[in-house]
Amino acid sequence: MALRHALLAALLDRELSGYQLTKLFDLDVSSFWHAASQQLYVDLAKLEADGLLTGHEVVQQGRPNKRVFRLTHAGLDELTRFTLAPTKPTSIRDDLLVKAYAARAADPGKLAAQLEQRAEQSRTKAQYLAEQLARLLEGRSEEEYLRTAENIGPYLAGTRGRMYEEEQAAWCSWAAAALRGR
């Protein structure tokens, strides 16, 4: 997958500015895709040049004008093609896991502290995602939402992100305890 597909997916149901997309990628989308704001702006320009997005300026009072982007029909077609293509298995690339793998070379207390810090970050992110999921439900049960909502994609991805962060927090706490117990 390329960043372009994550951007197209983020713009599926709404138009957003580059700033709004940066915030979305920093929080909600970060569970499954990381991108620096500079990357986002470069890819937005490419997607617009390729005719997959269209952008227009919105005049604001008392604030600088902003440029918002919307998916085009060609962008929707590209996103549809992407969803139909076979998916490759995911592999984890995490420097903290490399450090855990190399635990014999590490200071156990310092590595445990890093693991505990990551556990706390993951708990905070899981809580944030749980709040976002509750906001999407708007008081409906999950069953009702999944049956009736127009677009369940953000809920599906957000739930996976929450589950991932919860598992990450549990593993980090477990690994830190193992190191501290030695």
Protein backbone atom coordinates (compact mmCIF):
# COMPACT_ATOMS: atom_id res chain seq x y z
CA MET A 1 0.00 0.00 0.00
CA ALA A 2 1.12 3.51 -0.69
CA LEU A 3 0.33 6.69 1.22
CA ARG A 4 -1.83 7.71 -1.74
CA HIS A 5 -4.36 4.99 -0.92
CA ALA A 6 -4.51 5.99 2.75
CA LEU A 7 -5.15 9.59 1.66
CA LEU A 8 -7.85 8.54 -0.80
CA ALA A 9 -9.51 6.47 1.94
CA ALA A 10 -9.38 9.42 4.36
CA LEU A 11 -11.17 11.59 1.80
CA LEU A 12 -13.79 8.99 0.89
CA ASP A 13 -16.71 10.63 2.70
CA ARG A 14 -15.64 14.23 3.21
CA GLU A 15 -13.39 17.00 2.05
CA LEU A 16 -10.51 17.94 4.31
CA SER A 17 -7.67 20.44 4.38
CA GLY A 18 -4.03 19.39 4.53
CA TYR A 19 -3.98 20.48 8.17
CA GLN A 20 -7.05 18.34 8.97
CA LEU A 21 -5.46 15.38 7.18
CA THR A 22 -2.26 15.86 9.18
CA LYS A 23 -4.25 15.74 12.43
CA LEU A 24 -6.19 12.71 11.19
CA PHE A 25 -2.95 10.88 10.35
CA ASP A 26 -1.41 11.88 13.70
CA LEU A 27 -4.31 10.42 15.66
CA ASP A 28 -6.92 8.20 14.01
CA VAL A 29 -5.06 6.87 10.98
CA SER A 30 -1.77 6.39 12.85
CA SER A 31 -3.02 2.98 13.99
CA PHE A 32 -2.49 1.67 10.48
CA TRP A 33 -0.47 4.25 8.56
CA HIS A 34 2.22 6.74 9.56
CA ALA A 35 3.04 9.78 7.47
CA ALA A 36 4.83 13.02 8.19
CA SER A 37 2.93 16.18 7.27
CA GLN A 38 5.49 16.97 4.55
CA GLN A 39 4.75 13.59 2.93
CA LEU A 40 1.03 14.29 3.05
CA TYR A 41 1.36 17.61 1.25
CA VAL A 42 3.66 16.14 -1.42
CA ASP A 43 1.25 13.26 -2.06
CA LEU A 44 -1.80 15.56 -2.06
CA ALA A 45 -0.17 17.57 -4.85
CA LYS A 46 0.61 14.38 -6.80
CA LEU A 47 -2.91 13.03 -6.34
CA GLU A 48 -4.35 16.32 -7.54
CA ALA A 49 -2.00 16.37 -10.55
CA ASP A 50 -3.06 12.78 -11.34
CA GLY A 51 -6.72 13.84 -11.24
CA LEU A 52 -7.55 11.63 -8.25
CA LEU A 53 -8.30 14.61 -5.99
CA THR A 54 -9.56 18.08 -6.57
CA GLY A 55 -8.72 20.96 -4.31
CA HIS A 56 -10.17 24.41 -3.81
CA GLU A 57 -9.45 27.35 -1.56
CA VAL A 58 -11.80 28.23 1.27
CA VAL A 59 -11.76 31.85 2.37
CA GLN A 60 -11.81 32.26 6.15
CA GLN A 61 -12.42 35.36 8.21
CA GLY A 62 -9.66 36.26 10.67
CA ARG A 63 -7.57 33.23 9.68
CA PRO A 64 -5.51 32.33 6.65
CA ASN A 65 -7.43 30.77 3.78
CA LYS A 66 -7.23 27.01 3.55
CA ARG A 67 -7.15 24.54 0.69
CA VAL A 68 -9.51 21.56 0.99
CA PHE A 69 -9.41 18.37 -1.04
CA ARG A 70 -12.11 16.07 -2.30
CA LEU A 71 -12.00 12.68 -4.01
CA THR A 72 -12.78 12.71 -7.74
CA HIS A 73 -14.55 9.93 -9.63
CA ALA A 74 -11.12 8.78 -10.84
CA GLY A 75 -9.92 8.80 -7.21
CA LEU A 76 -12.87 6.65 -6.17
CA ASP A 77 -12.13 4.26 -9.05
CA GLU A 78 -8.49 4.03 -7.94
CA LEU A 79 -9.54 3.38 -4.35
CA THR A 80 -11.96 0.69 -5.53
CA ARG A 81 -9.17 -0.96 -7.58
CA PHE A 82 -6.96 -0.88 -4.49
CA THR A 83 -9.61 -2.57 -2.33
CA LEU A 84 -9.98 -5.36 -4.90
CA ALA A 85 -6.24 -6.08 -5.19
CA PRO A 86 -4.73 -8.95 -3.14
CA THR A 87 -3.31 -7.89 0.22
CA LYS A 88 0.17 -8.82 1.36
CA PRO A 89 0.68 -10.12 4.91
CA THR A 90 1.69 -7.47 7.41
CA SER A 91 5.11 -7.44 9.00
CA ILE A 92 6.00 -5.57 12.15
CA ARG A 93 8.82 -3.03 11.97
CA ASP A 94 9.38 -1.70 15.46
CA ASP A 95 12.68 -0.60 16.94
CA LEU A 96 11.44 -1.49 20.43
CA LEU A 97 10.99 -5.12 19.33
CA VAL A 98 14.57 -5.13 18.01
CA LYS A 99 15.70 -3.85 21.39
CA ALA A 100 13.70 -6.58 23.15
CA TYR A 101 15.22 -9.18 20.82
CA ALA A 102 18.66 -7.86 21.78
CA ALA A 103 17.82 -7.76 25.50
CA ARG A 104 21.06 -9.53 26.44
CA ALA A 105 22.99 -6.49 25.16
CA ALA A 106 20.71 -3.96 26.86
CA ASP A 107 20.56 -2.48 30.32
CA PRO A 108 17.50 -4.37 31.66
CA GLY A 109 16.25 -1.45 33.77
CA LYS A 110 16.51 1.07 30.93
CA LEU A 111 14.87 -1.30 28.45
CA ALA A 112 12.10 -2.03 30.95
CA ALA A 113 11.57 1.73 31.36
CA GLN A 114 11.24 2.12 27.57
CA LEU A 115 8.74 -0.73 27.49
CA GLU A 116 6.74 0.83 30.33
CA GLN A 117 6.74 4.18 28.53
CA ARG A 118 5.45 2.52 25.35
CA ALA A 119 2.80 0.67 27.39
CA GLU A 120 1.55 4.00 28.74
CA GLN A 121 1.54 5.55 25.27
CA SER A 122 -0.44 2.59 23.96
CA ARG A 123 -2.96 2.78 26.81
CA THR A 124 -3.45 6.49 26.08
CA LYS A 125 -3.88 5.82 22.35
CA ALA A 126 -6.30 2.95 23.03
CA GLN A 127 -8.39 5.23 25.25
CA TYR A 128 -8.43 7.94 22.58
CA LEU A 129 -9.52 5.42 19.94
CA ALA A 130 -12.22 4.03 22.25
CA GLU A 131 -13.58 7.58 22.63
CA GLN A 132 -13.54 8.09 18.84
CA LEU A 133 -15.35 4.78 18.34
CA ALA A 134 -17.99 5.77 20.90
CA ARG A 135 -18.42 9.07 19.03
CA LEU A 136 -19.00 7.16 15.79
CA LEU A 137 -21.63 4.98 17.45
CA GLU A 138 -23.62 8.07 18.50
CA GLY A 139 -25.41 6.10 21.25
CA ARG A 140 -26.21 3.11 19.03
CA SER A 141 -25.11 -0.40 19.89
CA GLU A 142 -22.18 -1.72 17.91
CA GLU A 143 -24.46 -4.30 16.30
CA GLU A 144 -26.91 -1.63 15.15
CA TYR A 145 -24.13 0.63 13.91
CA LEU A 146 -22.47 -2.13 11.89
CA ARG A 147 -25.82 -3.05 10.37
CA THR A 148 -27.06 0.45 9.53
CA ALA A 149 -24.20 2.96 9.22
CA GLU A 150 -23.45 4.21 5.73
CA ASN A 151 -19.68 3.76 6.09
CA ILE A 152 -18.38 1.33 8.71
CA GLY A 153 -14.78 1.52 7.45
CA PRO A 154 -13.51 4.03 10.02
CA TYR A 155 -15.13 1.99 12.79
CA LEU A 156 -13.56 -1.26 11.57
CA ALA A 157 -10.09 0.30 11.26
CA GLY A 158 -10.44 2.19 14.55
CA THR A 159 -11.45 -0.98 16.37
CA ARG A 160 -8.40 -2.78 15.00
CA GLY A 161 -6.25 0.14 16.12
CA ARG A 162 -7.74 0.07 19.62
CA MET A 163 -7.22 -3.69 19.89
CA TYR A 164 -3.64 -3.34 18.65
CA GLU A 165 -2.84 -0.62 21.19
CA GLU A 166 -4.39 -2.65 24.02
CA GLU A 167 -2.34 -5.71 23.03
CA GLN A 168 0.78 -3.57 22.67
CA ALA A 169 0.28 -2.15 26.18
CA ALA A 170 -0.23 -5.63 27.63
CA TRP A 171 2.86 -7.05 25.90
CA CYS A 172 5.06 -4.10 26.91
CA SER A 173 3.97 -4.39 30.54
CA TRP A 174 4.58 -8.15 30.47
CA ALA A 175 8.02 -7.77 28.86
CA ALA A 176 9.03 -5.00 31.29
CA ALA A 177 8.02 -7.18 34.25
CA ALA A 178 10.07 -10.06 32.81
CA LEU A 179 13.13 -7.81 32.54
CA ARG A 180 12.67 -6.37 36.01
CA GLY A 181 12.27 -9.90 37.42
CA ARG A 182 15.72 -10.98 36.29
